[in-house]
Amino acid sequence: MLKFYVTLQTLFIAGADRLKGDNEKGATAVEYGIMVALIAAVIVGIVATLGTEIRTAFTTVVNALP
């Protein structure tokens, strides 16, 4: 009987948690999405800048070769 009571209590608590809702998960996902987008933008900017500089350096080396 005690096992049945504990099972019902656990189900009741789990149901109450679902009904209450957890809005923090959505906010956290949005925050992580914004961080990923910003990191991606920084990476694209760095790659574009370094790519141009590296291309210039290789062109200089190739033109210096006989």
PDB file of N, CA and C in Angstrom:
ATOM      1  N   MET A   1       0.823  -1.188   0.000  1.00  0.00           N
ATOM      2  CA  MET A   1       0.000   0.000   0.000  1.00  0.00           C
ATOM      3  C   MET A   1       0.875   1.263   0.000  1.00  0.00           C
ATOM      4  N   LEU A   2       1.978   1.225   0.755  1.00  0.00           N
ATOM      5  CA  LEU A   2       2.878   2.373   0.809  1.00  0.00           C
ATOM      6  C   LEU A   2       3.494   2.626  -0.569  1.00  0.00           C
ATOM      7  N   LYS A   3       3.835   1.555  -1.267  1.00  0.00           N
ATOM      8  CA  LYS A   3       4.419   1.704  -2.605  1.00  0.00           C
ATOM      9  C   LYS A   3       3.423   2.370  -3.550  1.00  0.00           C
ATOM     10  N   PHE A   4       2.181   1.990  -3.471  1.00  0.00           N
ATOM     11  CA  PHE A   4       1.132   2.589  -4.295  1.00  0.00           C
ATOM     12  C   PHE A   4       0.981   4.080  -3.971  1.00  0.00           C
ATOM     13  N   TYR A   5       1.000   4.424  -2.696  1.00  0.00           N
ATOM     14  CA  TYR A   5       0.887   5.821  -2.252  1.00  0.00           C
ATOM     15  C   TYR A   5       2.062   6.653  -2.775  1.00  0.00           C
ATOM     16  N   VAL A   6       3.273   6.109  -2.678  1.00  0.00           N
ATOM     17  CA  VAL A   6       4.459   6.829  -3.153  1.00  0.00           C
ATOM     18  C   VAL A   6       4.394   7.015  -4.663  1.00  0.00           C
ATOM     19  N   THR A   7       3.920   6.005  -5.385  1.00  0.00           N
ATOM     20  CA  THR A   7       3.782   6.108  -6.838  1.00  0.00           C
ATOM     21  C   THR A   7       2.787   7.198  -7.206  1.00  0.00           C
ATOM     22  N   LEU A   8       1.652   7.233  -6.538  1.00  0.00           N
ATOM     23  CA  LEU A   8       0.652   8.269  -6.808  1.00  0.00           C
ATOM     24  C   LEU A   8       1.194   9.658  -6.483  1.00  0.00           C
ATOM     25  N   GLN A   9       1.918   9.761  -5.390  1.00  0.00           N
ATOM     26  CA  GLN A   9       2.481  11.050  -5.000  1.00  0.00           C
ATOM     27  C   GLN A   9       3.507  11.520  -6.037  1.00  0.00           C
ATOM     28  N   THR A  10       4.322  10.609  -6.516  1.00  0.00           N
ATOM     29  CA  THR A  10       5.319  10.955  -7.530  1.00  0.00           C
ATOM     30  C   THR A  10       4.640  11.405  -8.820  1.00  0.00           C
ATOM     31  N   LEU A  11       3.611  10.681  -9.250  1.00  0.00           N
ATOM     32  CA  LEU A  11       2.878  11.071 -10.451  1.00  0.00           C
ATOM     33  C   LEU A  11       2.207  12.429 -10.278  1.00  0.00           C
ATOM     34  N   PHE A  12       1.671  12.693  -9.113  1.00  0.00           N
ATOM     35  CA  PHE A  12       1.017  13.971  -8.842  1.00  0.00           C
ATOM     36  C   PHE A  12       2.031  15.113  -8.917  1.00  0.00           C
ATOM     37  N   ILE A  13       3.195  14.925  -8.327  1.00  0.00           N
ATOM     38  CA  ILE A  13       4.229  15.963  -8.340  1.00  0.00           C
ATOM     39  C   ILE A  13       4.721  16.203  -9.766  1.00  0.00           C
ATOM     40  N   ALA A  14       4.915  15.126 -10.516  1.00  0.00           N
ATOM     41  CA  ALA A  14       5.377  15.264 -11.905  1.00  0.00           C
ATOM     42  C   ALA A  14       4.324  15.984 -12.743  1.00  0.00           C
ATOM     43  N   GLY A  15       3.052  15.658 -12.529  1.00  0.00           N
ATOM     44  CA  GLY A  15       1.970  16.332 -13.245  1.00  0.00           C
ATOM     45  C   GLY A  15       1.880  17.800 -12.888  1.00  0.00           C
ATOM     46  N   ALA A  16       2.059  18.108 -11.618  1.00  0.00           N
ATOM     47  CA  ALA A  16       2.015  19.499 -11.184  1.00  0.00           C
ATOM     48  C   ALA A  16       3.167  20.292 -11.795  1.00  0.00           C
ATOM     49  N   ASP A  17       4.333  19.681 -11.907  1.00  0.00           N
ATOM     50  CA  ASP A  17       5.475  20.354 -12.531  1.00  0.00           C
ATOM     51  C   ASP A  17       5.213  20.632 -14.007  1.00  0.00           C
ATOM     52  N   ARG A  18       4.557  19.690 -14.679  1.00  0.00           N
ATOM     53  CA  ARG A  18       4.247  19.900 -16.097  1.00  0.00           C
ATOM     54  C   ARG A  18       3.224  21.007 -16.278  1.00  0.00           C
ATOM     55  N   LEU A  19       2.233  21.055 -15.418  1.00  0.00           N
ATOM     56  CA  LEU A  19       1.213  22.086 -15.531  1.00  0.00           C
ATOM     57  C   LEU A  19       1.770  23.462 -15.197  1.00  0.00           C
ATOM     58  N   LYS A  20       2.691  23.502 -14.267  1.00  0.00           N
ATOM     59  CA  LYS A  20       3.292  24.776 -13.863  1.00  0.00           C
ATOM     60  C   LYS A  20       4.074  25.369 -15.029  1.00  0.00           C
ATOM     61  N   GLY A  21       4.703  24.533 -15.825  1.00  0.00           N
ATOM     62  CA  GLY A  21       5.492  24.999 -16.959  1.00  0.00           C
ATOM     63  C   GLY A  21       6.851  25.486 -16.505  1.00  0.00           C
ATOM     64  N   ASP A  22       7.787  25.389 -17.406  1.00  0.00           N
ATOM     65  CA  ASP A  22       9.148  25.817 -17.112  1.00  0.00           C
ATOM     66  C   ASP A  22       9.589  26.752 -18.229  1.00  0.00           C
ATOM     67  N   ASN A  23       9.407  28.038 -18.007  1.00  0.00           N
ATOM     68  CA  ASN A  23       9.720  29.026 -19.038  1.00  0.00           C
ATOM     69  C   ASN A  23      11.213  29.290 -19.169  1.00  0.00           C
ATOM     70  N   GLU A  24      12.000  28.839 -18.225  1.00  0.00           N
ATOM     71  CA  GLU A  24      13.434  29.093 -18.276  1.00  0.00           C
ATOM     72  C   GLU A  24      14.104  28.310 -19.392  1.00  0.00           C
ATOM     73  N   LYS A  25      13.582  27.158 -19.761  1.00  0.00           N
ATOM     74  CA  LYS A  25      14.195  26.369 -20.824  1.00  0.00           C
ATOM     75  C   LYS A  25      14.132  27.114 -22.145  1.00  0.00           C
ATOM     76  N   GLY A  26      13.005  27.750 -22.445  1.00  0.00           N
ATOM     77  CA  GLY A  26      12.869  28.512 -23.678  1.00  0.00           C
ATOM     78  C   GLY A  26      13.812  29.696 -23.710  1.00  0.00           C
ATOM     79  N   ALA A  27      13.906  30.404 -22.605  1.00  0.00           N
ATOM     80  CA  ALA A  27      14.792  31.561 -22.544  1.00  0.00           C
ATOM     81  C   ALA A  27      16.245  31.126 -22.694  1.00  0.00           C
ATOM     82  N   THR A  28      16.598  30.023 -22.097  1.00  0.00           N
ATOM     83  CA  THR A  28      17.968  29.531 -22.199  1.00  0.00           C
ATOM     84  C   THR A  28      18.292  29.148 -23.643  1.00  0.00           C
ATOM     85  N   ALA A  29      17.364  28.519 -24.321  1.00  0.00           N
ATOM     86  CA  ALA A  29      17.589  28.135 -25.717  1.00  0.00           C
ATOM     87  C   ALA A  29      17.783  29.373 -26.587  1.00  0.00           C
ATOM     88  N   VAL A  30      17.000  30.411 -26.339  1.00  0.00           N
ATOM     89  CA  VAL A  30      17.143  31.651 -27.106  1.00  0.00           C
ATOM     90  C   VAL A  30      18.500  32.283 -26.826  1.00  0.00           C
ATOM     91  N   GLU A  31      18.904  32.300 -25.576  1.00  0.00           N
ATOM     92  CA  GLU A  31      20.202  32.880 -25.228  1.00  0.00           C
ATOM     93  C   GLU A  31      21.338  32.114 -25.896  1.00  0.00           C
ATOM     94  N   TYR A  32      21.276  30.792 -25.883  1.00  0.00           N
ATOM     95  CA  TYR A  32      22.309  29.995 -26.544  1.00  0.00           C
ATOM     96  C   TYR A  32      22.296  30.245 -28.058  1.00  0.00           C
ATOM     97  N   GLY A  33      21.129  30.388 -28.627  1.00  0.00           N
ATOM     98  CA  GLY A  33      21.026  30.678 -30.058  1.00  0.00           C
ATOM     99  C   GLY A  33      21.678  31.997 -30.416  1.00  0.00           C
ATOM    100  N   ILE A  34      21.460  33.014 -29.584  1.00  0.00           N
ATOM    101  CA  ILE A  34      22.078  34.319 -29.822  1.00  0.00           C
ATOM    102  C   ILE A  34      23.589  34.220 -29.699  1.00  0.00           C
ATOM    103  N   MET A  35      24.067  33.501 -28.683  1.00  0.00           N
ATOM    104  CA  MET A  35      25.513  33.345 -28.512  1.00  0.00           C
ATOM    105  C   MET A  35      26.137  32.629 -29.704  1.00  0.00           C
ATOM    106  N   VAL A  36      25.495  31.585 -30.198  1.00  0.00           N
ATOM    107  CA  VAL A  36      26.015  30.840 -31.348  1.00  0.00           C
ATOM    108  C   VAL A  36      26.052  31.736 -32.579  1.00  0.00           C
ATOM    109  N   ALA A  37      25.011  32.544 -32.771  1.00  0.00           N
ATOM    110  CA  ALA A  37      24.983  33.448 -33.920  1.00  0.00           C
ATOM    111  C   ALA A  37      26.102  34.483 -33.835  1.00  0.00           C
ATOM    112  N   LEU A  38      26.339  35.025 -32.660  1.00  0.00           N
ATOM    113  CA  LEU A  38      27.411  36.007 -32.501  1.00  0.00           C
ATOM    114  C   LEU A  38      28.788  35.383 -32.724  1.00  0.00           C
ATOM    115  N   ILE A  39      28.981  34.182 -32.183  1.00  0.00           N
ATOM    116  CA  ILE A  39      30.255  33.491 -32.386  1.00  0.00           C
ATOM    117  C   ILE A  39      30.474  33.209 -33.868  1.00  0.00           C
ATOM    118  N   ALA A  40      29.417  32.781 -34.564  1.00  0.00           N
ATOM    119  CA  ALA A  40      29.536  32.500 -35.998  1.00  0.00           C
ATOM    120  C   ALA A  40      29.878  33.773 -36.762  1.00  0.00           C
ATOM    121  N   ALA A  41      29.269  34.900 -36.393  1.00  0.00           N
ATOM    122  CA  ALA A  41      29.558  36.161 -37.073  1.00  0.00           C
ATOM    123  C   ALA A  41      31.020  36.573 -36.866  1.00  0.00           C
ATOM    124  N   VAL A  42      31.517  36.392 -35.654  1.00  0.00           N
ATOM    125  CA  VAL A  42      32.924  36.724 -35.369  1.00  0.00           C
ATOM    126  C   VAL A  42      33.852  35.831 -36.179  1.00  0.00           C
ATOM    127  N   ILE A  43      33.548  34.547 -36.246  1.00  0.00           N
ATOM    128  CA  ILE A  43      34.384  33.614 -37.010  1.00  0.00           C
ATOM    129  C   ILE A  43      34.387  33.986 -38.487  1.00  0.00           C
ATOM    130  N   VAL A  44      33.233  34.323 -39.045  1.00  0.00           N
ATOM    131  CA  VAL A  44      33.165  34.694 -40.457  1.00  0.00           C
ATOM    132  C   VAL A  44      33.991  35.957 -40.703  1.00  0.00           C
ATOM    133  N   GLY A  45      33.894  36.921 -39.797  1.00  0.00           N
ATOM    134  CA  GLY A  45      34.676  38.152 -39.945  1.00  0.00           C
ATOM    135  C   GLY A  45      36.167  37.896 -39.884  1.00  0.00           C
ATOM    136  N   ILE A  46      36.603  37.062 -38.955  1.00  0.00           N
ATOM    137  CA  ILE A  46      38.030  36.750 -38.820  1.00  0.00           C
ATOM    138  C   ILE A  46      38.533  35.995 -40.043  1.00  0.00           C
ATOM    139  N   VAL A  47      37.772  35.024 -40.497  1.00  0.00           N
ATOM    140  CA  VAL A  47      38.194  34.239 -41.662  1.00  0.00           C
ATOM    141  C   VAL A  47      38.266  35.126 -42.896  1.00  0.00           C
ATOM    142  N   ALA A  48      37.317  36.024 -43.066  1.00  0.00           N
ATOM    143  CA  ALA A  48      37.339  36.924 -44.224  1.00  0.00           C
ATOM    144  C   ALA A  48      38.560  37.830 -44.174  1.00  0.00           C
ATOM    145  N   THR A  49      38.864  38.370 -43.002  1.00  0.00           N
ATOM    146  CA  THR A  49      40.018  39.263 -42.860  1.00  0.00           C
ATOM    147  C   THR A  49      41.330  38.511 -43.061  1.00  0.00           C
ATOM    148  N   LEU A  50      41.479  37.406 -42.377  1.00  0.00           N
ATOM    149  CA  LEU A  50      42.725  36.638 -42.498  1.00  0.00           C
ATOM    150  C   LEU A  50      42.879  36.034 -43.880  1.00  0.00           C
ATOM    151  N   GLY A  51      41.777  35.649 -44.489  1.00  0.00           N
ATOM    152  CA  GLY A  51      41.847  35.077 -45.830  1.00  0.00           C
ATOM    153  C   GLY A  51      42.436  36.054 -46.825  1.00  0.00           C
ATOM    154  N   THR A  52      42.028  37.312 -46.734  1.00  0.00           N
ATOM    155  CA  THR A  52      42.557  38.341 -47.624  1.00  0.00           C
ATOM    156  C   THR A  52      44.037  38.571 -47.371  1.00  0.00           C
ATOM    157  N   GLU A  53      44.421  38.637 -46.108  1.00  0.00           N
ATOM    158  CA  GLU A  53      45.831  38.850 -45.771  1.00  0.00           C
ATOM    159  C   GLU A  53      46.693  37.668 -46.205  1.00  0.00           C
ATOM    160  N   ILE A  54      46.210  36.464 -46.020  1.00  0.00           N
ATOM    161  CA  ILE A  54      46.969  35.269 -46.412  1.00  0.00           C
ATOM    162  C   ILE A  54      47.105  35.200 -47.931  1.00  0.00           C
ATOM    163  N   ARG A  55      46.039  35.549 -48.641  1.00  0.00           N
ATOM    164  CA  ARG A  55      46.104  35.553 -50.106  1.00  0.00           C
ATOM    165  C   ARG A  55      47.153  36.559 -50.578  1.00  0.00           C
ATOM    166  N   THR A  56      47.183  37.719 -49.965  1.00  0.00           N
ATOM    167  CA  THR A  56      48.187  38.730 -50.318  1.00  0.00           C
ATOM    168  C   THR A  56      49.592  38.213 -50.048  1.00  0.00           C
ATOM    169  N   ALA A  57      49.789  37.557 -48.915  1.00  0.00           N
ATOM    170  CA  ALA A  57      51.118  37.029 -48.573  1.00  0.00           C
ATOM    171  C   ALA A  57      51.547  35.966 -49.570  1.00  0.00           C
ATOM    172  N   PHE A  58      50.668  35.046 -49.942  1.00  0.00           N
ATOM    173  CA  PHE A  58      51.028  34.006 -50.898  1.00  0.00           C
ATOM    174  C   PHE A  58      51.288  34.594 -52.283  1.00  0.00           C
ATOM    175  N   THR A  59      50.511  35.586 -52.662  1.00  0.00           N
ATOM    176  CA  THR A  59      50.728  36.239 -53.964  1.00  0.00           C
ATOM    177  C   THR A  59      52.099  36.896 -53.997  1.00  0.00           C
ATOM    178  N   THR A  60      52.473  37.524 -52.894  1.00  0.00           N
ATOM    179  CA  THR A  60      53.800  38.148 -52.812  1.00  0.00           C
ATOM    180  C   THR A  60      54.897  37.102 -52.943  1.00  0.00           C
ATOM    181  N   VAL A  61      54.738  35.979 -52.274  1.00  0.00           N
ATOM    182  CA  VAL A  61      55.731  34.902 -52.340  1.00  0.00           C
ATOM    183  C   VAL A  61      55.802  34.329 -53.750  1.00  0.00           C
ATOM    184  N   VAL A  62      54.667  34.098 -54.381  1.00  0.00           N
ATOM    185  CA  VAL A  62      54.643  33.515 -55.729  1.00  0.00           C
ATOM    186  C   VAL A  62      55.295  34.477 -56.723  1.00  0.00           C
ATOM    187  N   ASN A  63      55.020  35.768 -56.590  1.00  0.00           N
ATOM    188  CA  ASN A  63      55.610  36.735 -57.509  1.00  0.00           C
ATOM    189  C   ASN A  63      57.122  36.889 -57.290  1.00  0.00           C
ATOM    190  N   ALA A  64      57.601  36.600 -56.085  1.00  0.00           N
ATOM    191  CA  ALA A  64      59.017  36.705 -55.798  1.00  0.00           C
ATOM    192  C   ALA A  64      59.803  35.503 -56.313  1.00  0.00           C
ATOM    193  N   LEU A  65      59.128  34.404 -56.577  1.00  0.00           N
ATOM    194  CA  LEU A  65      59.809  33.216 -57.082  1.00  0.00           C
ATOM    195  C   LEU A  65      60.188  33.418 -58.554  1.00  0.00           C
ATOM    196  N   PRO A  66      61.322  32.830 -58.957  1.00  0.00           N
ATOM    197  CA  PRO A  66      61.750  32.992 -60.368  1.00  0.00           C
ATOM    198  C   PRO A  66      60.892  32.215 -61.329  1.00  0.00           C
TER     199      PRO A  66
END
